[in-house]
Each structure stands twice: as structure tokens, then as C-alpha cells.
Amino acid sequence: MVLAIIFLIVALLSVVAFLKQIKLKNYLAVFFAAASALSFGFFSIATIICSLTDAPFCS
């Protein structure tokens, strides 16, 4: 569960970086910030769901 919280914090920081880089029009950084926000966000949400419930995709 601690790992999921750390992943969620990283995802939130990536969203902040994504919004900041859109303002600065730094498109390479926008791509990497969006990719990291999506990947870390997905894994944090999936880990939290798997630890709280018995979902079928948690084997």
C-alpha cells in the first residue's frame, strides 16, 4: 500500500509538470510528463484497487 501511495504522489507531480510544460510550450517534456502521469497513475490506482478489493484482474 505504501508503494501505491508513492506512485500516486509521483503521478500528481507529473500532472503538475505536464501543466507547467504546456504553458512553456516544451513539447518533449509535455510528452514525457503525460506518459509518466498515465503510467504511474494507472499502476497506483490498480494497486490500491487490488489491495482493497478482490478484483478479478488481481491474481
Protein backbone atom coordinates (compact mmCIF):
# COMPACT_ATOMS: atom_id res chain seq x y z
CA MET A 1 0.00 0.00 0.00
CA VAL A 2 2.92 2.34 0.67
CA LEU A 3 4.18 1.76 -2.86
CA ALA A 4 0.78 2.76 -4.27
CA ILE A 5 0.82 6.00 -2.28
CA ILE A 6 4.32 6.81 -3.53
CA PHE A 7 3.21 6.07 -7.11
CA LEU A 8 0.20 8.35 -6.62
CA ILE A 9 2.41 11.19 -5.38
CA VAL A 10 4.69 10.76 -8.41
CA ALA A 11 1.65 10.79 -10.70
CA LEU A 12 0.36 14.01 -9.14
CA LEU A 13 3.77 15.65 -9.52
CA SER A 14 3.82 14.53 -13.15
CA VAL A 15 0.46 16.19 -13.74
CA VAL A 16 1.83 19.43 -12.27
CA ALA A 17 4.88 19.16 -14.54
CA PHE A 18 2.60 18.45 -17.51
CA LEU A 19 0.57 21.61 -16.92
CA LYS A 20 3.69 23.72 -16.38
CA GLN A 21 5.33 22.48 -19.57
CA ILE A 22 2.18 23.14 -21.61
CA LYS A 23 2.47 26.79 -20.53
CA LEU A 24 6.13 26.86 -21.60
CA LYS A 25 5.37 25.02 -24.88
CA ASN A 26 8.08 22.44 -24.24
CA TYR A 27 6.51 19.59 -26.20
CA LEU A 28 9.09 16.88 -25.45
CA ALA A 29 8.65 17.49 -21.73
CA VAL A 30 4.87 17.52 -22.21
CA PHE A 31 5.07 14.06 -23.78
CA PHE A 32 7.25 12.58 -21.03
CA ALA A 33 5.24 14.20 -18.23
CA ALA A 34 1.99 12.88 -19.71
CA ALA A 35 3.45 9.40 -20.21
CA SER A 36 4.74 9.22 -16.66
CA ALA A 37 1.49 10.60 -15.22
CA LEU A 38 -0.53 7.99 -17.10
CA SER A 39 1.71 5.06 -16.25
CA PHE A 40 2.25 5.90 -12.58
CA GLY A 41 -1.40 6.87 -12.19
CA PHE A 42 -2.59 3.59 -13.69
CA PHE A 43 -0.32 1.46 -11.53
CA SER A 44 -1.16 3.35 -8.35
CA ILE A 45 -4.92 3.09 -8.91
CA ALA A 46 -4.62 -0.60 -9.86
CA THR A 47 -2.51 -1.34 -6.77
CA ILE A 48 -4.97 0.45 -4.48
CA ILE A 49 -7.93 -1.40 -6.03
CA CYS A 50 -6.15 -4.74 -5.71
CA SER A 51 -5.23 -4.18 -2.08
CA LEU A 52 -8.74 -3.06 -1.05
CA THR A 53 -10.87 -5.50 -3.07
CA ASP A 54 -10.68 -8.93 -4.61
CA ALA A 55 -10.94 -7.76 -8.21
CA PRO A 56 -10.69 -10.41 -10.96
CA PHE A 57 -7.59 -8.87 -12.55
CA CYS A 58 -5.65 -9.13 -9.27
CA SER A 59 -4.21 -12.61 -9.33
